[in-house]
Amino acid sequence: MQNASIDPRAKIFAVIFAVLILGAGAFIFFGENGEVSGKGGSAKLSIAETDYDFGDISMKNGLARHEFKIKNDGDQALEITDISTSCACTKVVLVVDGRRSPEFSMPGHGVKPLFWSEKIAPGQSAVLEAVFDPLAHGPDAVGPITRVINIISNTGGKGNAKSVITFSGNVIK
């Protein structure tokens, strides 16, 4: 018998090919979000009220607060990956099972957490605590306001679906 040697380049090619095949198989089986695919269904973000009116917001009474109730009405985990507001005068915190998220605000204002996300199980509810500071724009900034809260999630099976909540009011002295 003759001792046949295999070209080292062929070995490298075989290893790379095997890794690619295994990776493709894992992607097909688990899907791009890391959950086992083929289960059917998807997450569904439901927001009890998407528009809230504070009415008159008195500067002398300080911060205006409102809790927005949200729920996952889907049959897969709802993953919220980002929250932002339209103005630095508004801060938002997500509360799920007593766990409080970092404070979110307008992009570029404050510290945005890197790699943050929160999962909400099917049928589970959570609260978005919104806080508006009527003095943020100075003591003469009175009149009507409208602010937006953006929620980025996997609702409807989409990776970066945007849901919007708005609130309004009339700032008075």
N, C-alpha and C. Protein backbone atom coordinates (compact mmCIF):
# COMPACT_ATOMS: atom_id res chain seq x y z
N MET A 1 0.82 -1.18 0.00
CA MET A 1 0.00 0.00 0.00
C MET A 1 0.86 1.24 0.00
N GLN A 2 0.37 2.18 -0.65
CA GLN A 2 1.10 3.42 -0.77
C GLN A 2 0.46 4.47 0.14
N ASN A 3 1.26 5.24 0.86
CA ASN A 3 0.77 6.27 1.77
C ASN A 3 0.46 7.53 0.96
N ALA A 4 -0.83 7.77 0.76
CA ALA A 4 -1.23 8.93 -0.05
C ALA A 4 -1.35 10.16 0.85
N SER A 5 -0.76 11.23 0.44
CA SER A 5 -0.90 12.44 1.23
C SER A 5 -1.94 13.34 0.58
N ILE A 6 -2.69 14.03 1.43
CA ILE A 6 -3.73 14.91 0.94
C ILE A 6 -3.18 16.33 0.95
N ASP A 7 -3.47 17.02 -0.12
CA ASP A 7 -3.03 18.41 -0.26
C ASP A 7 -3.60 19.23 0.90
N PRO A 8 -2.78 20.00 1.65
CA PRO A 8 -3.27 20.80 2.78
C PRO A 8 -4.34 21.81 2.37
N ARG A 9 -4.29 22.29 1.15
CA ARG A 9 -5.32 23.23 0.69
C ARG A 9 -6.67 22.56 0.59
N ALA A 10 -6.70 21.31 0.25
CA ALA A 10 -7.95 20.56 0.18
C ALA A 10 -8.56 20.40 1.57
N LYS A 11 -7.69 20.18 2.57
CA LYS A 11 -8.18 20.06 3.95
C LYS A 11 -8.82 21.38 4.39
N ILE A 12 -8.15 22.48 4.10
CA ILE A 12 -8.68 23.80 4.48
C ILE A 12 -10.01 24.05 3.78
N PHE A 13 -10.07 23.73 2.49
CA PHE A 13 -11.31 23.90 1.74
C PHE A 13 -12.43 23.06 2.35
N ALA A 14 -12.14 21.83 2.73
CA ALA A 14 -13.15 20.95 3.32
C ALA A 14 -13.66 21.50 4.65
N VAL A 15 -12.77 22.05 5.47
CA VAL A 15 -13.18 22.62 6.75
C VAL A 15 -14.06 23.85 6.53
N ILE A 16 -13.65 24.73 5.64
CA ILE A 16 -14.44 25.93 5.36
C ILE A 16 -15.81 25.55 4.81
N PHE A 17 -15.85 24.60 3.91
CA PHE A 17 -17.11 24.14 3.34
C PHE A 17 -18.03 23.57 4.43
N ALA A 18 -17.48 22.77 5.32
CA ALA A 18 -18.27 22.18 6.40
C ALA A 18 -18.84 23.26 7.33
N VAL A 19 -18.03 24.27 7.65
CA VAL A 19 -18.49 25.36 8.51
C VAL A 19 -19.61 26.14 7.82
N LEU A 20 -19.48 26.40 6.54
CA LEU A 20 -20.53 27.12 5.80
C LEU A 20 -21.82 26.31 5.77
N ILE A 21 -21.73 25.03 5.54
CA ILE A 21 -22.93 24.17 5.50
C ILE A 21 -23.59 24.15 6.87
N LEU A 22 -22.81 23.98 7.94
CA LEU A 22 -23.38 23.98 9.29
C LEU A 22 -24.01 25.34 9.62
N GLY A 23 -23.36 26.43 9.24
CA GLY A 23 -23.90 27.77 9.48
C GLY A 23 -25.21 28.00 8.75
N ALA A 24 -25.27 27.57 7.50
CA ALA A 24 -26.50 27.72 6.72
C ALA A 24 -27.62 26.89 7.33
N GLY A 25 -27.30 25.70 7.78
CA GLY A 25 -28.31 24.84 8.42
C GLY A 25 -28.82 25.46 9.71
N ALA A 26 -27.93 26.03 10.51
CA ALA A 26 -28.34 26.68 11.76
C ALA A 26 -29.21 27.90 11.46
N PHE A 27 -28.86 28.67 10.44
CA PHE A 27 -29.65 29.85 10.08
C PHE A 27 -31.06 29.44 9.65
N ILE A 28 -31.15 28.39 8.86
CA ILE A 28 -32.46 27.91 8.40
C ILE A 28 -33.27 27.39 9.58
N PHE A 29 -32.64 26.66 10.49
CA PHE A 29 -33.36 26.07 11.62
C PHE A 29 -33.76 27.12 12.65
N PHE A 30 -32.84 28.01 13.00
CA PHE A 30 -33.10 28.97 14.07
C PHE A 30 -33.64 30.30 13.56
N GLY A 31 -33.47 30.63 12.30
CA GLY A 31 -33.91 31.92 11.79
C GLY A 31 -32.94 33.02 12.20
N GLU A 32 -33.16 34.23 11.70
CA GLU A 32 -32.21 35.30 11.96
C GLU A 32 -32.32 35.88 13.36
N ASN A 33 -33.42 35.64 14.10
CA ASN A 33 -33.52 36.19 15.45
C ASN A 33 -33.13 35.19 16.53
N GLY A 34 -32.63 34.02 16.16
CA GLY A 34 -32.14 33.06 17.14
C GLY A 34 -33.21 32.16 17.72
N GLU A 35 -34.46 32.30 17.29
CA GLU A 35 -35.51 31.44 17.79
C GLU A 35 -35.78 30.36 16.75
N VAL A 36 -36.22 29.20 17.23
CA VAL A 36 -36.47 28.09 16.31
C VAL A 36 -37.55 28.50 15.34
N SER A 37 -37.22 28.37 14.03
CA SER A 37 -38.19 28.77 13.01
C SER A 37 -39.17 27.63 12.76
N GLY A 38 -40.20 27.94 12.04
CA GLY A 38 -41.19 26.93 11.73
C GLY A 38 -42.28 26.85 12.77
N LYS A 39 -42.21 27.64 13.83
CA LYS A 39 -43.23 27.61 14.86
C LYS A 39 -44.51 28.28 14.38
N GLY A 40 -44.40 29.19 13.43
CA GLY A 40 -45.56 29.95 13.00
C GLY A 40 -45.84 31.07 13.97
N GLY A 41 -46.71 31.96 13.57
CA GLY A 41 -47.08 33.06 14.44
C GLY A 41 -46.00 34.11 14.54
N SER A 42 -46.29 35.13 15.33
CA SER A 42 -45.32 36.20 15.54
C SER A 42 -45.72 37.00 16.77
N ALA A 43 -44.84 37.89 17.16
CA ALA A 43 -45.11 38.81 18.27
C ALA A 43 -46.05 39.91 17.77
N LYS A 44 -46.86 40.45 18.68
CA LYS A 44 -47.76 41.54 18.30
C LYS A 44 -47.84 42.56 19.43
N LEU A 45 -47.25 43.72 19.20
CA LEU A 45 -47.29 44.80 20.18
C LEU A 45 -48.65 45.48 20.11
N SER A 46 -49.37 45.45 21.24
CA SER A 46 -50.64 46.16 21.35
C SER A 46 -50.47 47.28 22.36
N ILE A 47 -50.94 48.46 22.00
CA ILE A 47 -50.82 49.63 22.86
C ILE A 47 -52.24 50.08 23.20
N ALA A 48 -52.55 50.13 24.50
CA ALA A 48 -53.91 50.44 24.94
C ALA A 48 -54.36 51.81 24.45
N GLU A 49 -53.50 52.81 24.52
CA GLU A 49 -53.82 54.13 23.99
C GLU A 49 -52.59 54.67 23.28
N THR A 50 -52.77 55.03 22.03
CA THR A 50 -51.64 55.53 21.24
C THR A 50 -51.58 57.05 21.21
N ASP A 51 -52.58 57.70 21.80
CA ASP A 51 -52.62 59.16 21.82
C ASP A 51 -53.22 59.59 23.16
N TYR A 52 -52.50 60.42 23.89
CA TYR A 52 -52.97 60.87 25.20
C TYR A 52 -52.89 62.39 25.26
N ASP A 53 -53.92 63.02 25.85
CA ASP A 53 -53.96 64.47 25.99
C ASP A 53 -53.89 64.82 27.48
N PHE A 54 -52.80 65.48 27.88
CA PHE A 54 -52.65 65.92 29.26
C PHE A 54 -53.60 67.07 29.60
N GLY A 55 -54.10 67.76 28.59
CA GLY A 55 -54.85 68.99 28.86
C GLY A 55 -53.86 70.07 29.24
N ASP A 56 -54.23 70.92 30.20
CA ASP A 56 -53.30 71.96 30.66
C ASP A 56 -52.21 71.35 31.52
N ILE A 57 -50.96 71.72 31.23
CA ILE A 57 -49.80 71.26 32.01
C ILE A 57 -49.20 72.50 32.65
N SER A 58 -49.36 72.61 33.95
CA SER A 58 -48.87 73.79 34.67
C SER A 58 -47.38 73.66 34.96
N MET A 59 -46.63 74.68 34.60
CA MET A 59 -45.19 74.70 34.91
C MET A 59 -44.95 74.62 36.41
N LYS A 60 -45.80 75.29 37.19
CA LYS A 60 -45.58 75.32 38.64
C LYS A 60 -45.85 73.96 39.30
N ASN A 61 -46.57 73.08 38.62
CA ASN A 61 -46.83 71.74 39.18
C ASN A 61 -45.72 70.73 38.85
N GLY A 62 -44.75 71.16 38.05
CA GLY A 62 -43.61 70.28 37.77
C GLY A 62 -43.89 69.26 36.67
N LEU A 63 -43.25 68.12 36.79
CA LEU A 63 -43.29 67.10 35.75
C LEU A 63 -44.69 66.52 35.54
N ALA A 64 -45.01 66.26 34.28
CA ALA A 64 -46.27 65.61 33.93
C ALA A 64 -45.95 64.15 33.60
N ARG A 65 -46.71 63.22 34.18
CA ARG A 65 -46.42 61.79 34.01
C ARG A 65 -47.66 61.05 33.49
N HIS A 66 -47.38 60.03 32.67
CA HIS A 66 -48.47 59.16 32.22
C HIS A 66 -47.90 57.78 31.93
N GLU A 67 -48.67 56.76 32.27
CA GLU A 67 -48.27 55.38 32.00
C GLU A 67 -49.06 54.85 30.81
N PHE A 68 -48.33 54.37 29.82
CA PHE A 68 -48.95 53.74 28.65
C PHE A 68 -48.84 52.23 28.82
N LYS A 69 -49.97 51.55 28.77
CA LYS A 69 -50.00 50.10 28.92
C LYS A 69 -49.77 49.45 27.56
N ILE A 70 -48.84 48.50 27.52
CA ILE A 70 -48.59 47.75 26.30
C ILE A 70 -48.70 46.26 26.62
N LYS A 71 -48.88 45.46 25.57
CA LYS A 71 -49.05 44.02 25.75
C LYS A 71 -48.59 43.30 24.50
N ASN A 72 -48.12 42.08 24.69
CA ASN A 72 -47.80 41.21 23.56
C ASN A 72 -49.01 40.33 23.30
N ASP A 73 -49.76 40.66 22.27
CA ASP A 73 -50.94 39.86 21.89
C ASP A 73 -50.59 38.80 20.85
N GLY A 74 -49.31 38.56 20.62
CA GLY A 74 -48.89 37.54 19.67
C GLY A 74 -48.62 36.22 20.37
N ASP A 75 -48.10 35.27 19.59
CA ASP A 75 -47.78 33.96 20.17
C ASP A 75 -46.28 33.66 20.16
N GLN A 76 -45.48 34.69 19.92
CA GLN A 76 -44.02 34.59 20.03
C GLN A 76 -43.54 35.74 20.92
N ALA A 77 -42.33 35.63 21.44
CA ALA A 77 -41.79 36.68 22.30
C ALA A 77 -41.68 37.99 21.53
N LEU A 78 -42.12 39.07 22.17
CA LEU A 78 -41.98 40.42 21.62
C LEU A 78 -40.67 40.97 22.14
N GLU A 79 -39.79 41.35 21.23
CA GLU A 79 -38.51 41.92 21.65
C GLU A 79 -38.47 43.40 21.28
N ILE A 80 -38.38 44.23 22.31
CA ILE A 80 -38.25 45.66 22.11
C ILE A 80 -36.76 45.97 22.13
N THR A 81 -36.26 46.57 21.06
CA THR A 81 -34.82 46.80 20.93
C THR A 81 -34.42 48.26 21.04
N ASP A 82 -35.39 49.17 20.98
CA ASP A 82 -35.05 50.59 21.12
C ASP A 82 -36.31 51.38 21.42
N ILE A 83 -36.12 52.45 22.18
CA ILE A 83 -37.19 53.40 22.48
C ILE A 83 -36.56 54.78 22.36
N SER A 84 -37.28 55.72 21.77
CA SER A 84 -36.78 57.09 21.70
C SER A 84 -37.95 58.05 21.77
N THR A 85 -37.64 59.31 22.05
CA THR A 85 -38.66 60.34 22.09
C THR A 85 -38.31 61.44 21.09
N SER A 86 -39.28 62.27 20.79
CA SER A 86 -39.06 63.33 19.80
C SER A 86 -38.44 64.58 20.39
N CYS A 87 -38.29 64.62 21.71
CA CYS A 87 -37.73 65.82 22.34
C CYS A 87 -37.04 65.42 23.64
N ALA A 88 -35.97 66.12 23.97
CA ALA A 88 -35.23 65.83 25.21
C ALA A 88 -36.04 66.18 26.46
N CYS A 89 -37.14 66.90 26.29
CA CYS A 89 -38.00 67.23 27.43
C CYS A 89 -38.82 66.03 27.89
N THR A 90 -38.75 64.93 27.15
CA THR A 90 -39.52 63.73 27.46
C THR A 90 -38.58 62.56 27.71
N LYS A 91 -38.82 61.86 28.82
CA LYS A 91 -38.05 60.67 29.18
C LYS A 91 -39.03 59.50 29.30
N VAL A 92 -38.56 58.30 28.93
CA VAL A 92 -39.42 57.12 28.98
C VAL A 92 -38.64 55.96 29.60
N VAL A 93 -39.33 55.17 30.43
CA VAL A 93 -38.78 53.96 31.01
C VAL A 93 -39.78 52.83 30.76
N LEU A 94 -39.29 51.67 30.33
CA LEU A 94 -40.13 50.48 30.14
C LEU A 94 -40.02 49.62 31.39
N VAL A 95 -41.17 49.20 31.92
CA VAL A 95 -41.20 48.35 33.11
C VAL A 95 -41.87 47.03 32.74
N VAL A 96 -41.11 45.93 32.86
CA VAL A 96 -41.61 44.59 32.58
C VAL A 96 -41.32 43.72 33.79
N ASP A 97 -42.36 43.18 34.40
CA ASP A 97 -42.19 42.32 35.59
C ASP A 97 -41.32 42.96 36.66
N GLY A 98 -41.47 44.25 36.87
CA GLY A 98 -40.70 44.95 37.89
C GLY A 98 -39.30 45.36 37.44
N ARG A 99 -38.86 44.88 36.28
CA ARG A 99 -37.55 45.27 35.75
C ARG A 99 -37.71 46.60 35.02
N ARG A 100 -36.87 47.56 35.38
CA ARG A 100 -36.92 48.88 34.77
C ARG A 100 -35.80 49.01 33.74
N SER A 101 -36.16 49.47 32.57
CA SER A 101 -35.17 49.71 31.51
C SER A 101 -34.35 50.94 31.87
N PRO A 102 -33.28 51.17 31.13
CA PRO A 102 -32.62 52.47 31.24
C PRO A 102 -33.60 53.56 30.79
N GLU A 103 -33.27 54.80 31.10
CA GLU A 103 -34.11 55.93 30.69
C GLU A 103 -33.81 56.29 29.24
N PHE A 104 -34.86 56.39 28.44
CA PHE A 104 -34.72 56.74 27.02
C PHE A 104 -35.22 58.16 26.80
N SER A 105 -34.62 58.83 25.82
CA SER A 105 -35.01 60.20 25.47
C SER A 105 -34.78 60.39 23.97
N MET A 106 -34.61 61.65 23.59
CA MET A 106 -34.35 62.00 22.20
C MET A 106 -32.97 61.50 21.79
N PRO A 107 -32.84 60.89 20.60
CA PRO A 107 -31.51 60.46 20.15
C PRO A 107 -30.50 61.61 20.20
N GLY A 108 -29.32 61.30 20.71
CA GLY A 108 -28.28 62.30 20.81
C GLY A 108 -28.30 63.08 22.12
N HIS A 109 -29.31 62.85 22.97
CA HIS A 109 -29.42 63.53 24.26
C HIS A 109 -29.40 62.46 25.35
N GLY A 110 -28.49 62.59 26.26
CA GLY A 110 -28.38 61.59 27.31
C GLY A 110 -27.56 60.41 26.83
N VAL A 111 -27.57 59.35 27.62
CA VAL A 111 -26.79 58.16 27.32
C VAL A 111 -27.72 57.08 26.77
N LYS A 112 -27.46 56.65 25.56
CA LYS A 112 -28.26 55.59 24.97
C LYS A 112 -27.57 54.26 25.27
N PRO A 113 -28.30 53.32 25.88
CA PRO A 113 -27.68 52.04 26.20
C PRO A 113 -27.34 51.24 24.94
N LEU A 114 -26.16 50.68 24.92
CA LEU A 114 -25.76 49.83 23.81
C LEU A 114 -26.25 48.41 24.06
N PHE A 115 -26.71 47.76 23.04
CA PHE A 115 -27.09 46.35 23.10
C PHE A 115 -28.23 46.08 24.08
N TRP A 116 -29.09 47.06 24.35
CA TRP A 116 -30.22 46.85 25.24
C TRP A 116 -31.37 46.24 24.48
N SER A 117 -32.09 45.35 25.11
CA SER A 117 -33.37 44.87 24.60
C SER A 117 -34.14 44.27 25.76
N GLU A 118 -35.44 44.14 25.57
CA GLU A 118 -36.30 43.54 26.59
C GLU A 118 -37.32 42.67 25.88
N LYS A 119 -37.52 41.47 26.40
CA LYS A 119 -38.52 40.57 25.82
C LYS A 119 -39.77 40.56 26.67
N ILE A 120 -40.90 40.52 25.98
CA ILE A 120 -42.21 40.43 26.62
C ILE A 120 -42.85 39.16 26.09
N ALA A 121 -43.17 38.25 26.99
CA ALA A 121 -43.72 36.95 26.61
C ALA A 121 -45.13 37.10 26.02
N PRO A 122 -45.58 36.12 25.24
CA PRO A 122 -46.95 36.16 24.72
C PRO A 122 -47.96 36.31 25.86
N GLY A 123 -48.89 37.25 25.70
CA GLY A 123 -49.92 37.48 26.72
C GLY A 123 -49.47 38.38 27.86
N GLN A 124 -48.19 38.69 27.94
CA GLN A 124 -47.66 39.50 29.04
C GLN A 124 -47.84 40.99 28.76
N SER A 125 -48.05 41.76 29.84
CA SER A 125 -48.20 43.21 29.74
C SER A 125 -46.99 43.91 30.32
N ALA A 126 -46.83 45.17 29.97
CA ALA A 126 -45.75 46.01 30.48
C ALA A 126 -46.26 47.44 30.49
N VAL A 127 -45.45 48.34 31.05
CA VAL A 127 -45.82 49.75 31.16
C VAL A 127 -44.69 50.61 30.64
N LEU A 128 -45.04 51.60 29.83
CA LEU A 128 -44.10 52.65 29.43
C LEU A 128 -44.42 53.86 30.29
N GLU A 129 -43.48 54.24 31.15
CA GLU A 129 -43.65 55.42 31.99
C GLU A 129 -43.08 56.63 31.25
N ALA A 130 -43.92 57.56 30.88
CA ALA A 130 -43.49 58.76 30.16
C ALA A 130 -43.52 59.95 31.12
N VAL A 131 -42.45 60.75 31.08
CA VAL A 131 -42.35 61.93 31.93
C VAL A 131 -42.00 63.13 31.04
N PHE A 132 -42.86 64.14 31.08
CA PHE A 132 -42.66 65.37 30.31
C PHE A 132 -42.30 66.50 31.27
N ASP A 133 -41.24 67.23 30.97
CA ASP A 133 -40.81 68.36 31.78
C ASP A 133 -41.23 69.66 31.10
N PRO A 134 -42.28 70.33 31.62
CA PRO A 134 -42.76 71.55 30.96
C PRO A 134 -41.78 72.72 31.06
N LEU A 135 -40.79 72.64 31.94
CA LEU A 135 -39.81 73.72 32.07
C LEU A 135 -38.56 73.49 31.23
N ALA A 136 -38.50 72.38 30.50
CA ALA A 136 -37.30 72.04 29.74
C ALA A 136 -36.94 73.09 28.70
N HIS A 137 -37.92 73.80 28.19
CA HIS A 137 -37.66 74.79 27.14
C HIS A 137 -37.65 76.22 27.68
N GLY A 138 -37.59 76.36 29.00
CA GLY A 138 -37.52 77.68 29.60
C GLY A 138 -38.85 78.15 30.13
N PRO A 139 -38.83 79.16 30.95
CA PRO A 139 -40.04 79.63 31.63
C PRO A 139 -41.05 80.33 30.72
N ASP A 140 -40.63 80.70 29.51
CA ASP A 140 -41.57 81.36 28.60
C ASP A 140 -42.10 80.44 27.50
N ALA A 141 -41.74 79.17 27.58
CA ALA A 141 -42.17 78.21 26.54
C ALA A 141 -43.55 77.66 26.89
N VAL A 142 -44.56 78.47 26.64
CA VAL A 142 -45.93 78.06 26.92
C VAL A 142 -46.67 77.82 25.60
N GLY A 143 -47.78 77.11 25.71
CA GLY A 143 -48.59 76.84 24.53
C GLY A 143 -48.71 75.35 24.25
N PRO A 144 -49.32 75.03 23.12
CA PRO A 144 -49.57 73.62 22.81
C PRO A 144 -48.28 72.86 22.48
N ILE A 145 -48.25 71.61 22.91
CA ILE A 145 -47.11 70.72 22.61
C ILE A 145 -47.66 69.38 22.12
N THR A 146 -46.87 68.73 21.29
CA THR A 146 -47.13 67.34 20.90
C THR A 146 -45.78 66.64 20.89
N ARG A 147 -45.70 65.49 21.55
CA ARG A 147 -44.46 64.72 21.62
C ARG A 147 -44.74 63.30 21.17
N VAL A 148 -43.68 62.64 20.68
CA VAL A 148 -43.79 61.29 20.12
C VAL A 148 -42.84 60.36 20.86
N ILE A 149 -43.32 59.14 21.09
CA ILE A 149 -42.49 58.06 21.64
C ILE A 149 -42.44 56.99 20.56
N ASN A 150 -41.24 56.62 20.14
CA ASN A 150 -41.04 55.57 19.13
C ASN A 150 -40.57 54.30 19.80
N ILE A 151 -41.18 53.19 19.44
CA ILE A 151 -40.82 51.88 19.98
C ILE A 151 -40.41 51.00 18.80
N ILE A 152 -39.20 50.46 18.86
CA ILE A 152 -38.72 49.56 17.81
C ILE A 152 -38.78 48.14 18.36
N SER A 153 -39.45 47.25 17.60
CA SER A 153 -39.62 45.88 18.08
C SER A 153 -39.74 44.92 16.89
N ASN A 154 -40.00 43.67 17.22
CA ASN A 154 -40.20 42.65 16.19
C ASN A 154 -41.69 42.35 15.97
N THR A 155 -42.55 43.31 16.26
CA THR A 155 -43.98 43.10 16.10
C THR A 155 -44.32 42.72 14.66
N GLY A 156 -45.23 41.79 14.51
CA GLY A 156 -45.65 41.35 13.18
C GLY A 156 -44.60 40.55 12.44
N GLY A 157 -43.58 40.08 13.17
CA GLY A 157 -42.53 39.29 12.53
C GLY A 157 -41.48 40.12 11.81
N LYS A 158 -41.56 41.44 11.93
CA LYS A 158 -40.59 42.32 11.29
C LYS A 158 -39.51 42.68 12.30
N GLY A 159 -38.24 42.69 11.88
CA GLY A 159 -37.13 42.92 12.78
C GLY A 159 -37.05 44.30 13.38
N ASN A 160 -37.40 45.32 12.64
CA ASN A 160 -37.28 46.70 13.13
C ASN A 160 -38.57 47.47 12.90
N ALA A 161 -39.67 46.92 13.35
CA ALA A 161 -40.96 47.58 13.18
C ALA A 161 -41.08 48.75 14.15
N LYS A 162 -41.58 49.88 13.67
CA LYS A 162 -41.73 51.06 14.52
C LYS A 162 -43.19 51.25 14.89
N SER A 163 -43.44 51.38 16.19
CA SER A 163 -44.76 51.71 16.71
C SER A 163 -44.65 53.08 17.35
N VAL A 164 -45.72 53.87 17.27
CA VAL A 164 -45.66 55.26 17.71
C VAL A 164 -46.78 55.55 18.72
N ILE A 165 -46.39 56.26 19.78
CA ILE A 165 -47.33 56.79 20.76
C ILE A 165 -47.14 58.30 20.75
N THR A 166 -48.23 59.06 20.80
CA THR A 166 -48.11 60.51 20.90
C THR A 166 -48.85 61.00 22.14
N PHE A 167 -48.38 62.12 22.65
CA PHE A 167 -49.15 62.79 23.71
C PHE A 167 -49.09 64.29 23.42
N SER A 168 -50.10 64.96 23.92
CA SER A 168 -50.18 66.40 23.69
C SER A 168 -50.61 67.09 24.98
N GLY A 169 -50.59 68.38 24.94
CA GLY A 169 -51.01 69.17 26.08
C GLY A 169 -50.84 70.64 25.77
N ASN A 170 -51.17 71.45 26.77
CA ASN A 170 -51.04 72.90 26.64
C ASN A 170 -50.27 73.39 27.86
N VAL A 171 -49.01 73.80 27.66
CA VAL A 171 -48.18 74.25 28.77
C VAL A 171 -48.59 75.66 29.19
N ILE A 172 -48.88 75.80 30.49
CA ILE A 172 -49.26 77.10 31.04
C ILE A 172 -48.32 77.42 32.20
N LYS A 173 -48.24 78.70 32.55
CA LYS A 173 -47.37 79.12 33.68
C LYS A 173 -47.93 78.76 35.01
